[in-house]
């Protein structure tokens, strides 16, 4: 009989399709998945006064959806649903979430996931009793159904239900229960319907008039609650946030500051902040990274990619949670974490035991920070070789926020083969390639930076020769010469664009949009407030940029 539940609820709801089970797309155009748009350089002369950014509508990302389901319905739920793909824009799924809609296949996936989640909750007495908070007197107990819908609906939709919404879902639950002769089956279908609603799948942040500032909008209390929770915890607001919103405490800066301090103190914030840098540095690509096992035999290991990702995760976490380290230490700190597999790749003594252990690279060693870690080096390389160009592009665009224009359409971007009977290092071949005027402009920006990492092969192992010839790891970064990877890390640490880029990337990801010209004064002030990462995030989230929006948008 359960196989017919969705059909029965649809029949019960036929006269009220607007109940929230209908999935509607946002007004913005869809972004192609996996094709981030190029970053835009900030104007050199920002306006004198701050003006807030745009309102938005954000579809829950894959991680946010799964986290939200577990926090709403039970931490022990199996959330391995097939979900629509995220869209990435400006390097972040949180920004792409503002530009993707729900298409036909997506709606089917969300329907299946919602029915699956609700079915798991109501399949056992323990789960449903814990969730419900009441025991029905019979199959059509309206009062108990209303209580469940009202209590859970507030958390699912991240605000109290309006009377009409509450009554509609209560009626659906009772009518379905009557048809099925099962109170819990009726409530199960009503909850599944709420989980398919755009009011759950999308965060609509449209603001309200600000009585004190008629020239702009302020986000509502419940919009702020959702913004805080998804920015800092990547999940739906907890009861403490919703309670503060119900009391009207989140439109004031001190109310926001109180909640920010609480959220930042949680281990969940640490996980979210680490994920920001994993995405910014492209480490999510390790899940699908392919390497030639003929060229790199170690890449045949089924666990190497996971080991690479775990090293970087632990290292980033150590830096972002430190009381003394900041964004510069991500690039040149000598600590890292290795297991036996990575120790072998790096030529280090194997740690005791089977897990990861803290390791301190020697002061005169070749490895520093993320640029010495196999995960970052492997992602920004080719299938069967290194790539000074890709690695230099990564440094320019993702660490310094400098835009590299795409090559002209008429230029052949394939790597030039070696002439017959001639051996060359990759550096020598690229220097020959740069003699082409059409290629010289961009390659001059990227290649001399990437040369500093040529001692690391396509999976991050150290080497001294390339194609049988000695490697020259010397290069130049914006007028500062360096002789090896360690000196490159030092040059990056001192680069004036590093701190600006850190602020900009965090601001974009936390607020879900590219900074506008009016927000540039705020970014400049944030740059002057210190570079430790957790406090920097707290300042961004507590700023007017997070609480206010432009007025007069379509």
Protein backbone atom coordinates (compact mmCIF):
# COMPACT_ATOMS: atom_id res chain seq x y z
CA UNK A 1 0.00 0.00 0.00
CA UNK A 2 2.89 2.39 0.73
CA UNK A 3 3.80 2.38 -2.96
CA UNK A 4 0.62 4.33 -3.62
CA UNK A 5 1.11 7.00 -0.95
CA UNK A 6 2.45 9.67 -3.27
CA UNK A 7 -0.43 9.12 -5.67
CA UNK A 8 -3.03 9.35 -2.89
CA UNK A 9 -1.59 12.57 -1.49
CA UNK A 10 -1.54 14.07 -4.96
CA UNK A 11 -5.23 13.19 -5.29
CA UNK A 12 -6.02 14.67 -1.89
CA UNK A 13 -4.11 17.87 -2.79
CA UNK A 14 -5.40 18.26 -6.34
CA UNK A 15 -7.45 21.28 -5.38
CA UNK A 16 -4.50 23.00 -3.68
CA UNK A 17 -1.39 22.46 -5.76
CA UNK A 18 0.16 25.63 -4.39
CA UNK A 19 0.61 23.96 -1.01
CA UNK A 20 4.35 23.81 -1.43
CA UNK A 21 4.74 20.50 -3.22
CA UNK A 22 5.08 22.34 -6.52
CA UNK A 23 8.69 23.23 -7.25
CA UNK A 24 9.17 26.60 -8.90
CA UNK A 25 12.41 27.93 -10.42
CA UNK A 26 13.90 31.26 -9.39
CA UNK A 27 13.79 34.10 -11.84
CA UNK A 28 17.53 34.15 -12.55
CA UNK A 29 19.01 32.25 -15.52
CA UNK A 30 20.58 28.85 -15.00
CA UNK A 31 24.35 28.48 -14.93
CA UNK A 32 26.02 25.53 -16.63
CA UNK A 33 27.27 23.12 -13.98
CA UNK A 34 31.03 22.94 -13.61
CA UNK A 35 31.77 26.02 -15.73
CA UNK A 36 32.70 28.87 -13.38
CA UNK A 37 32.65 32.35 -14.84
CA UNK A 38 35.91 34.32 -14.81
CA UNK A 39 36.54 36.53 -11.80
CA UNK A 40 36.20 40.26 -12.29
CA UNK A 41 38.92 42.59 -11.06
CA UNK A 42 37.80 45.16 -8.47
CA UNK A 43 37.83 48.78 -9.68
CA UNK A 44 40.92 50.68 -8.55
CA UNK A 45 39.02 53.59 -6.99
CA UNK A 46 36.10 52.41 -4.84
CA UNK A 47 33.30 54.80 -3.85
CA UNK A 48 33.65 56.60 -0.56
CA UNK A 49 30.45 55.29 1.03
CA UNK A 50 29.27 51.71 1.52
CA UNK A 51 26.15 50.54 -0.30
CA UNK A 52 24.78 47.00 0.25
CA UNK A 53 24.67 44.22 -2.33
CA UNK A 54 21.74 42.53 -4.08
CA UNK A 55 18.96 40.36 -2.73
CA UNK A 56 18.90 36.75 -3.92
CA UNK A 57 17.27 33.35 -4.01
CA UNK A 58 19.58 30.41 -3.31
CA UNK A 59 18.88 26.75 -3.95
CA UNK A 60 20.27 24.53 -1.22
CA UNK A 61 23.58 23.00 -2.24
CA UNK A 62 24.11 19.26 -2.07
CA UNK A 63 25.87 19.50 1.30
CA UNK A 64 23.30 21.94 2.68
CA UNK A 65 20.40 19.71 1.66
CA UNK A 66 21.83 16.58 3.27
CA UNK A 67 22.87 18.42 6.43
CA UNK A 68 19.44 20.00 6.70
CA UNK A 69 17.60 16.69 6.35
CA UNK A 70 19.68 15.10 9.11
CA UNK A 71 19.23 18.10 11.42
CA UNK A 72 15.49 18.24 10.78
CA UNK A 73 14.60 14.56 10.89
CA UNK A 74 17.41 12.70 12.64
CA UNK A 75 21.18 12.48 12.59
CA UNK A 76 21.00 8.73 11.95
CA UNK A 77 19.08 9.04 8.68
CA UNK A 78 20.63 7.63 5.51
CA UNK A 79 20.92 10.66 3.22
CA UNK A 80 22.67 9.04 0.29
CA UNK A 81 20.03 10.39 -2.08
CA UNK A 82 20.62 11.12 -5.74
CA UNK A 83 20.35 14.90 -5.92
CA UNK A 84 20.65 17.52 -8.68
CA UNK A 85 24.17 18.70 -9.40
CA UNK A 86 25.42 21.93 -7.87
CA UNK A 87 26.32 24.86 -10.08
CA UNK A 88 29.60 26.66 -9.45
CA UNK A 89 30.13 30.34 -10.14
CA UNK A 90 33.23 32.38 -9.36
CA UNK A 91 34.71 29.22 -7.89
CA UNK A 92 31.98 28.54 -5.29
CA UNK A 93 28.77 26.51 -5.21
CA UNK A 94 27.33 28.98 -2.68
CA UNK A 95 27.39 31.65 -5.41
CA UNK A 96 26.23 29.28 -8.13
CA UNK A 97 23.24 28.44 -5.91
CA UNK A 98 21.76 31.85 -6.75
CA UNK A 99 21.65 31.06 -10.46
CA UNK A 100 20.26 27.54 -10.77
CA UNK A 101 16.67 26.43 -11.00
CA UNK A 102 14.87 23.11 -10.62
CA UNK A 103 14.18 21.34 -13.90
CA UNK A 104 11.99 18.27 -14.50
CA UNK A 105 14.56 15.63 -13.60
CA UNK A 106 15.64 17.68 -10.58
CA UNK A 107 12.06 17.75 -9.29
CA UNK A 108 11.86 13.98 -9.56
CA UNK A 109 15.07 13.60 -7.57
CA UNK A 110 13.85 15.96 -4.85
CA UNK A 111 10.51 14.13 -4.69
CA UNK A 112 12.25 10.76 -4.30
CA UNK A 113 14.59 12.14 -1.64
CA UNK A 114 11.73 13.74 0.32
CA UNK A 115 9.64 10.56 0.28
CA UNK A 116 12.69 8.51 1.26
CA UNK A 117 13.56 10.78 4.18
CA UNK A 118 9.99 10.94 5.48
CA UNK A 119 9.59 7.18 5.13
CA UNK A 120 12.72 6.58 7.23
CA UNK A 121 11.40 8.82 10.02
CA UNK A 122 7.97 7.26 10.23
CA UNK A 123 9.16 3.68 9.76
CA UNK A 124 10.00 3.20 13.46
CA UNK A 125 8.11 4.03 16.64
CA UNK A 126 11.19 5.57 18.26
CA UNK A 127 11.91 8.02 15.43
CA UNK A 128 8.36 9.17 14.85
CA UNK A 129 7.59 9.53 18.57
CA UNK A 130 10.70 11.64 19.08
CA UNK A 131 9.81 13.84 16.11
CA UNK A 132 6.06 14.13 16.72
CA UNK A 133 5.81 15.27 20.33
CA UNK A 134 2.28 13.85 20.62
CA UNK A 135 0.47 10.53 20.29
CA UNK A 136 -2.62 10.41 18.07
CA UNK A 137 -5.98 9.39 19.58
CA UNK A 138 -6.94 7.85 16.25
CA UNK A 139 -6.22 7.89 12.49
CA UNK A 140 -7.74 11.36 12.05
CA UNK A 141 -6.49 13.17 15.15
CA UNK A 142 -6.54 16.75 13.85
CA UNK A 143 -4.98 18.32 16.95
CA UNK A 144 -1.96 16.00 16.95
CA UNK A 145 -1.50 16.40 13.19
CA UNK A 146 -1.66 20.19 13.51
CA UNK A 147 0.91 20.17 16.30
CA UNK A 148 3.35 18.10 14.25
CA UNK A 149 2.88 20.23 11.14
CA UNK A 150 3.26 23.47 13.05
CA UNK A 151 6.32 22.41 15.05
CA UNK A 152 8.26 20.68 12.29
CA UNK A 153 7.08 23.10 9.59
CA UNK A 154 8.71 26.00 11.42
CA UNK A 155 12.06 24.25 11.16
CA UNK A 156 11.58 22.92 7.61
CA UNK A 157 10.62 26.32 6.19
CA UNK A 158 12.88 28.24 8.59
CA UNK A 159 10.02 30.43 9.86
CA UNK A 160 6.64 29.96 11.55
CA UNK A 161 3.95 28.67 9.22
CA UNK A 162 1.14 31.04 8.35
CA UNK A 163 -2.32 29.92 9.41
CA UNK A 164 -3.33 28.98 5.87
CA UNK A 165 -0.16 26.95 5.32
CA UNK A 166 -0.59 25.13 8.64
CA UNK A 167 -4.23 24.34 7.97
CA UNK A 168 -3.60 23.17 4.41
CA UNK A 169 -0.90 20.66 5.41
CA UNK A 170 -2.93 19.53 8.40
CA UNK A 171 -5.88 18.85 6.12
CA UNK A 172 -3.65 16.95 3.71
CA UNK A 173 -2.28 14.80 6.52
CA UNK A 174 -5.72 14.01 7.97
CA UNK A 175 -7.36 13.33 4.61
CA UNK A 176 -4.53 11.01 3.57
CA UNK A 177 -4.66 9.27 6.96
CA UNK A 178 -8.39 8.74 6.56
CA UNK A 179 -7.92 7.23 3.09
CA UNK A 180 -5.14 4.96 4.32
CA UNK A 181 -6.44 4.21 7.78
CA UNK A 182 -3.05 5.19 9.24
CA UNK A 183 -2.36 8.48 11.06
CA UNK A 184 1.42 8.26 10.63
CA UNK A 185 1.15 7.54 6.90
CA UNK A 186 -0.86 10.73 6.44
CA UNK A 187 1.64 12.85 8.39
CA UNK A 188 4.50 11.21 6.49
CA UNK A 189 3.08 12.37 3.18
CA UNK A 190 2.44 15.89 4.45
CA UNK A 191 6.04 16.19 5.66
CA UNK A 192 7.34 14.84 2.35
CA UNK A 193 5.31 17.53 0.60
CA UNK A 194 6.86 20.26 2.74
CA UNK A 195 10.34 18.96 1.91
CA UNK A 196 9.56 19.30 -1.82
CA UNK A 197 8.41 22.88 -1.47
CA UNK A 198 10.50 25.76 -2.87
CA UNK A 199 10.15 27.22 0.63
CA UNK A 200 12.50 24.47 1.79
CA UNK A 201 14.63 23.97 -1.33
CA UNK A 202 15.31 27.69 -1.82
CA UNK A 203 16.39 30.42 0.56
CA UNK A 204 14.48 33.51 -0.57
CA UNK A 205 16.30 36.57 0.78
CA UNK A 206 14.29 39.57 -0.40
CA UNK A 207 14.35 41.82 2.66
CA UNK A 208 11.91 44.36 4.00
CA UNK A 209 11.85 48.17 4.27
CA UNK A 210 14.25 49.54 6.86
CA UNK A 211 12.45 52.21 8.89
CA UNK A 212 15.73 53.89 9.74
CA UNK A 213 17.20 53.80 6.23
CA UNK A 214 14.64 54.29 3.45
CA UNK A 215 17.40 54.03 0.83
CA UNK A 216 17.96 50.31 1.45
CA UNK A 217 16.38 47.06 2.63
CA UNK A 218 17.13 45.07 5.75
CA UNK A 219 16.87 41.29 5.81
CA UNK A 220 14.07 40.00 8.02
CA UNK A 221 14.74 38.24 11.30
CA UNK A 222 14.09 34.80 9.80
CA UNK A 223 16.11 35.59 6.66
CA UNK A 224 19.03 36.55 8.91
CA UNK A 225 18.62 33.29 10.84
CA UNK A 226 18.90 31.28 7.64
CA UNK A 227 21.78 33.40 6.33
CA UNK A 228 23.71 32.90 9.55
CA UNK A 229 23.12 29.18 9.74
CA UNK A 230 23.91 28.33 6.13
CA UNK A 231 26.93 30.65 6.02
CA UNK A 232 28.52 29.37 9.24
CA UNK A 233 27.17 25.82 9.64
CA UNK A 234 26.00 24.89 6.12
CA UNK A 235 22.68 23.69 7.47
CA UNK A 236 19.22 24.82 8.53
CA UNK A 237 18.80 27.12 11.56
CA UNK A 238 18.58 25.44 14.95
CA UNK A 239 15.89 26.25 17.52
CA UNK A 240 18.06 28.87 19.25
CA UNK A 241 18.39 30.86 16.00
CA UNK A 242 14.70 30.52 15.18
CA UNK A 243 13.76 31.55 18.71
CA UNK A 244 15.94 34.65 18.41
CA UNK A 245 14.27 35.42 15.08
CA UNK A 246 10.80 34.93 16.57
CA UNK A 247 11.71 37.45 19.29
CA UNK A 248 12.86 39.98 16.67
CA UNK A 249 16.47 39.99 17.88
CA UNK A 250 18.30 39.43 14.58
CA UNK A 251 17.65 42.73 12.84
CA UNK A 252 19.87 44.41 15.42
CA UNK A 253 23.66 44.21 15.19
CA UNK A 254 24.06 43.12 18.81
CA UNK A 255 21.60 40.27 18.30
CA UNK A 256 23.53 39.11 15.26
CA UNK A 257 26.84 39.38 17.13
CA UNK A 258 25.50 37.22 19.95
CA UNK A 259 24.49 34.47 17.54
CA UNK A 260 27.71 34.75 15.52
CA UNK A 261 29.76 34.20 18.67
CA UNK A 262 27.71 31.10 19.49
CA UNK A 263 27.87 29.64 15.97
CA UNK A 264 31.59 30.32 15.51
CA UNK A 265 32.36 28.50 18.76
CA UNK A 266 30.86 25.27 17.38
CA UNK A 267 32.87 22.50 15.66
CA UNK A 268 30.36 22.82 12.81
CA UNK A 269 31.79 26.23 11.96
CA UNK A 270 35.26 24.73 11.76
CA UNK A 271 34.01 22.18 9.23
CA UNK A 272 32.37 24.91 7.14
CA UNK A 273 35.45 27.15 7.15
CA UNK A 274 37.72 24.27 6.15
CA UNK A 275 35.31 23.46 3.31
CA UNK A 276 35.62 27.04 2.04
CA UNK A 277 39.35 26.66 1.50
CA UNK A 278 38.99 23.16 0.07
CA UNK A 279 36.64 24.55 -2.56
CA UNK A 280 38.69 27.69 -3.15
CA UNK A 281 41.84 25.66 -3.78
CA UNK A 282 40.08 23.12 -6.02
CA UNK A 283 40.60 20.18 -3.67
CA UNK A 284 37.10 18.81 -4.36
CA UNK A 285 38.52 17.76 -7.74
CA UNK A 286 40.49 15.02 -5.97
CA UNK A 287 37.28 12.96 -5.89
CA UNK A 288 37.44 12.52 -9.67
CA UNK A 289 41.11 13.17 -10.39
CA UNK A 290 42.66 10.89 -13.03
CA UNK A 291 46.38 10.31 -13.46
CA UNK A 292 48.40 8.11 -15.78
CA UNK A 293 49.48 5.09 -13.77
CA UNK A 294 52.10 4.40 -16.42
CA UNK A 295 53.80 7.72 -15.67
CA UNK A 296 52.88 7.78 -11.97
CA UNK A 297 52.63 4.19 -10.66
CA UNK A 298 51.73 5.39 -7.16
CA UNK A 299 48.50 6.80 -8.61
CA UNK A 300 47.22 3.24 -9.01
CA UNK A 301 46.50 3.21 -5.26
CA UNK A 302 42.77 3.29 -4.55
CA UNK A 303 43.39 5.34 -1.40
CA UNK A 304 45.96 7.90 -2.56
CA UNK A 305 43.46 10.61 -3.51
CA UNK A 306 41.69 10.27 -0.17
CA UNK A 307 45.04 10.50 1.63
CA UNK A 308 45.86 13.68 -0.29
CA UNK A 309 42.52 15.22 0.60
CA UNK A 310 42.85 14.30 4.27
CA UNK A 311 46.33 15.82 4.55
CA UNK A 312 45.08 19.14 3.20
CA UNK A 313 41.92 19.04 5.33
CA UNK A 314 43.88 18.51 8.53
CA UNK A 315 46.42 21.17 7.63
CA UNK A 316 43.75 23.77 6.76
CA UNK A 317 41.88 22.99 9.96
CA UNK A 318 45.05 23.45 12.02
CA UNK A 319 45.64 26.88 10.48
CA UNK A 320 42.09 28.24 10.54
CA UNK A 321 41.53 27.23 14.18
CA UNK A 322 44.90 28.49 15.41
CA UNK A 323 45.13 31.40 17.83
CA UNK A 324 48.29 32.64 16.11
CA UNK A 325 48.30 31.55 12.44
CA UNK A 326 46.52 33.34 9.58
CA UNK A 327 45.99 33.09 5.82
CA UNK A 328 49.71 33.60 5.11
CA UNK A 329 50.54 30.44 7.03
CA UNK A 330 48.40 28.40 4.63
CA UNK A 331 51.20 28.98 2.14
CA UNK A 332 54.43 28.67 4.10
CA UNK A 333 53.82 26.88 7.41
CA UNK A 334 56.07 23.83 7.73
CA UNK A 335 53.63 21.55 9.60
CA UNK A 336 51.58 18.94 7.82
CA UNK A 337 49.90 15.58 8.45
CA UNK A 338 50.94 12.36 6.72
CA UNK A 339 50.05 8.69 6.81
CA UNK A 340 52.23 5.83 5.60
CA UNK A 341 51.08 6.28 2.00
CA UNK A 342 51.95 9.98 1.85
CA UNK A 343 55.16 9.46 3.79
CA UNK A 344 56.29 7.04 1.09
CA UNK A 345 55.34 9.49 -1.66
CA UNK A 346 57.23 12.29 0.10
CA UNK A 347 60.24 10.15 1.00
CA UNK A 348 59.62 10.55 4.75
CA UNK A 349 59.80 8.01 7.59
CA UNK A 350 56.45 6.26 8.01
CA UNK A 351 54.49 7.44 11.08
CA UNK A 352 53.74 5.05 13.89
CA UNK A 353 50.38 3.34 13.47
CA UNK A 354 47.98 3.30 10.54
CA UNK A 355 46.57 6.81 10.70
CA UNK A 356 47.81 10.34 10.17
CA UNK A 357 50.49 11.99 12.28
CA UNK A 358 51.75 15.55 12.58
CA UNK A 359 55.01 16.13 10.73
CA UNK A 360 57.23 19.21 10.65
CA UNK A 361 59.10 19.74 7.38
CA UNK A 362 62.72 20.81 7.92
CA UNK A 363 63.58 24.48 7.51
CA UNK A 364 65.78 23.74 4.50
CA UNK A 365 63.34 21.23 2.96
CA UNK A 366 61.47 21.78 -0.31
CA UNK A 367 57.90 21.70 1.04
CA UNK A 368 55.91 24.57 2.54
CA UNK A 369 52.18 24.89 3.17
CA UNK A 370 49.54 23.94 0.64
CA UNK A 371 51.88 24.42 -2.32
CA UNK A 372 54.00 21.58 -1.00
CA UNK A 373 51.09 19.18 -0.58
CA UNK A 374 50.38 16.43 -3.07
CA UNK A 375 46.65 17.19 -3.33
CA UNK A 376 47.10 20.78 -4.51
CA UNK A 377 50.03 19.86 -6.77
CA UNK A 378 48.16 16.93 -8.35
CA UNK A 379 44.96 18.85 -9.00
CA UNK A 380 46.83 21.65 -10.74
CA UNK A 381 48.75 19.43 -13.13
CA UNK A 382 48.04 17.30 -16.19
CA UNK A 383 47.08 13.65 -16.58
CA UNK A 384 50.65 12.62 -17.38
CA UNK A 385 52.85 15.60 -16.55
CA UNK A 386 53.29 18.73 -14.48
CA UNK A 387 52.06 22.08 -15.74
CA UNK A 388 53.80 25.31 -14.75
CA UNK A 389 51.02 27.08 -16.63
CA UNK A 390 48.17 25.53 -14.61
CA UNK A 391 50.01 25.95 -11.36
CA UNK A 392 50.88 29.55 -12.14
CA UNK A 393 47.28 30.21 -13.13
CA UNK A 394 46.14 28.73 -9.81
CA UNK A 395 48.45 31.03 -7.86
CA UNK A 396 47.39 34.11 -9.82
CA UNK A 397 43.65 33.51 -9.83
CA UNK A 398 42.84 31.56 -6.66
CA UNK A 399 45.50 32.89 -4.27
CA UNK A 400 45.94 36.47 -5.50
CA UNK A 401 42.58 37.08 -7.28
CA UNK A 402 44.36 38.27 -10.41
CA UNK A 403 42.48 37.62 -13.63
CA UNK A 404 44.17 35.70 -16.45
CA UNK A 405 42.37 36.36 -19.74
CA UNK A 406 41.47 33.34 -21.89
CA UNK A 407 43.70 32.61 -24.88
CA UNK A 408 42.64 33.98 -28.27
CA UNK A 409 40.30 31.63 -30.12
CA UNK A 410 42.76 31.29 -33.00
CA UNK A 411 45.69 30.13 -30.82
CA UNK A 412 46.65 26.47 -30.61
CA UNK A 413 46.87 25.76 -26.86
CA UNK A 414 48.21 22.21 -27.18
CA UNK A 415 51.68 21.64 -25.74
CA UNK A 416 54.38 21.70 -28.44
CA UNK A 417 56.13 18.33 -28.94
CA UNK A 418 59.89 18.03 -28.68
CA UNK A 419 61.74 18.28 -31.99
CA UNK A 420 63.25 15.01 -33.25
CA UNK A 421 66.31 13.86 -31.30
CA UNK A 422 66.00 16.79 -28.89
CA UNK A 423 65.35 16.47 -25.16
CA UNK A 424 63.89 19.42 -23.28
CA UNK A 425 62.52 20.07 -19.85
CA UNK A 426 58.96 21.29 -19.66
CA UNK A 427 60.32 24.70 -18.74
CA UNK A 428 62.47 24.84 -21.85
CA UNK A 429 59.53 23.86 -24.05
CA UNK A 430 57.33 26.53 -22.49
CA UNK A 431 59.99 29.19 -22.95
CA UNK A 432 60.11 28.27 -26.63
CA UNK A 433 56.30 28.43 -26.71
CA UNK A 434 56.36 31.95 -25.27
CA UNK A 435 58.27 33.21 -28.28
CA UNK A 436 54.89 33.22 -30.04
CA UNK A 437 53.59 36.78 -29.42
CA UNK A 438 50.01 35.53 -29.21
CA UNK A 439 51.00 33.30 -26.28
CA UNK A 440 53.58 35.44 -24.53
CA UNK A 441 51.23 37.80 -22.65
CA UNK A 442 49.35 35.23 -20.58
CA UNK A 443 52.18 32.70 -20.28
CA UNK A 444 54.51 35.41 -18.99
CA UNK A 445 52.07 35.89 -16.09
CA UNK A 446 51.68 32.20 -15.31
CA UNK A 447 54.75 30.18 -16.27
CA UNK A 448 57.46 32.00 -14.26
CA UNK A 449 55.31 31.46 -11.15
CA UNK A 450 54.68 27.79 -11.90
CA UNK A 451 58.39 27.12 -12.47
CA UNK A 452 58.85 27.35 -8.73
CA UNK A 453 56.86 24.10 -8.31
CA UNK A 454 58.59 22.09 -11.04
CA UNK A 455 60.50 20.04 -8.47
CA UNK A 456 57.15 18.34 -7.75
CA UNK A 457 55.82 15.93 -10.35
CA UNK A 458 52.20 15.49 -11.44
CA UNK A 459 51.20 13.77 -8.18
CA UNK A 460 53.42 15.83 -5.87
CA UNK A 461 56.48 13.61 -5.49
CA UNK A 462 59.80 15.45 -5.29
CA UNK A 463 62.19 15.19 -8.24
CA UNK A 464 65.37 16.90 -9.42
CA UNK A 465 65.24 16.08 -13.13
CA UNK A 466 62.67 16.37 -15.91
CA UNK A 467 63.07 14.28 -19.03
CA UNK A 468 66.53 13.36 -17.78
CA UNK A 469 67.66 16.97 -17.49
CA UNK A 470 68.21 19.09 -14.34
CA UNK A 471 65.23 21.17 -13.21
CA UNK A 472 65.57 24.92 -12.78
CA UNK A 473 62.91 25.94 -10.20
CA UNK A 474 63.77 29.64 -10.25
CA UNK A 475 61.11 32.14 -11.27
CA UNK A 476 59.58 35.52 -10.61
CA UNK A 477 56.40 36.86 -9.00
CA UNK A 478 55.49 40.48 -9.76
CA UNK A 479 59.06 41.66 -9.75
CA UNK A 480 60.29 39.46 -6.90
CA UNK A 481 62.64 36.68 -8.01
CA UNK A 482 62.71 33.33 -6.20
CA UNK A 483 64.93 30.28 -6.49
CA UNK A 484 62.67 27.41 -5.42
CA UNK A 485 59.28 26.47 -3.99
CA UNK A 486 60.13 27.67 -0.50
CA UNK A 487 61.12 31.09 -1.77
CA UNK A 488 57.95 31.21 -3.87
CA UNK A 489 55.92 30.56 -0.70
CA UNK A 490 57.76 33.40 1.04
CA UNK A 491 57.05 35.73 -1.89
CA UNK A 492 53.37 34.84 -1.73
CA UNK A 493 53.26 35.39 2.02
CA UNK A 494 54.48 38.96 1.53
CA UNK A 495 52.35 39.71 -1.55
CA UNK A 496 49.92 42.61 -0.98
CA UNK A 497 47.17 40.88 -2.97
CA UNK A 498 47.08 37.76 -0.78
CA UNK A 499 45.19 39.33 2.13
CA UNK A 500 42.84 41.22 -0.21
CA UNK A 501 42.06 38.00 -2.03
CA UNK A 502 41.37 36.13 1.21
CA UNK A 503 38.86 38.79 2.27
CA UNK A 504 37.23 38.95 -1.14
CA UNK A 505 36.82 35.19 -1.52
CA UNK A 506 35.40 34.76 1.99
CA UNK A 507 33.03 37.69 1.47
CA UNK A 508 31.77 36.30 -1.83
CA UNK A 509 31.22 32.81 -0.52
CA UNK A 510 29.61 33.84 2.79
CA UNK A 511 27.22 36.33 1.19
CA UNK A 512 26.59 34.31 -1.98
CA UNK A 513 27.32 36.99 -4.56
CA UNK A 514 30.11 38.85 -6.28
CA UNK A 515 30.90 42.08 -4.50
CA UNK A 516 29.35 45.19 -6.00
CA UNK A 517 31.12 48.51 -6.39
CA UNK A 518 29.22 49.85 -3.40
CA UNK A 519 30.56 47.05 -1.18
CA UNK A 520 34.21 47.81 -1.91
CA UNK A 521 34.61 50.29 0.99
CA UNK A 522 33.48 47.53 3.35
CA UNK A 523 35.98 45.07 1.87
CA UNK A 524 38.75 47.63 2.32
CA UNK A 525 37.84 48.09 5.98
CA UNK A 526 37.72 44.33 6.50
CA UNK A 527 41.25 44.02 5.13
CA UNK A 528 42.53 46.26 7.93
CA UNK A 529 41.08 44.24 10.78
CA UNK A 530 43.56 41.39 11.10
CA UNK A 531 44.10 38.21 9.14
CA UNK A 532 43.28 35.38 11.51
CA UNK A 533 40.58 33.50 9.67
CA UNK A 534 37.88 32.70 12.22
CA UNK A 535 37.75 36.31 13.52
CA UNK A 536 37.75 37.58 9.92
CA UNK A 537 34.69 35.47 9.13
CA UNK A 538 32.96 36.76 12.27
CA UNK A 539 33.61 40.37 11.17
CA UNK A 540 32.21 39.71 7.70
CA UNK A 541 29.07 38.05 9.07
CA UNK A 542 28.54 40.85 11.64
CA UNK A 543 28.95 43.60 9.04
CA UNK A 544 26.27 45.72 7.39
CA UNK A 545 27.01 43.88 4.15
CA UNK A 546 25.45 40.76 5.67
CA UNK A 547 22.38 42.46 7.16
CA UNK A 548 21.32 44.88 4.43
CA UNK A 549 20.48 44.78 0.70
CA UNK A 550 19.96 47.08 -2.24
CA UNK A 551 16.55 48.68 -2.69
CA UNK A 552 14.68 48.95 -5.97
CA UNK A 553 15.78 45.64 -7.54
CA UNK A 554 13.40 43.86 -9.92
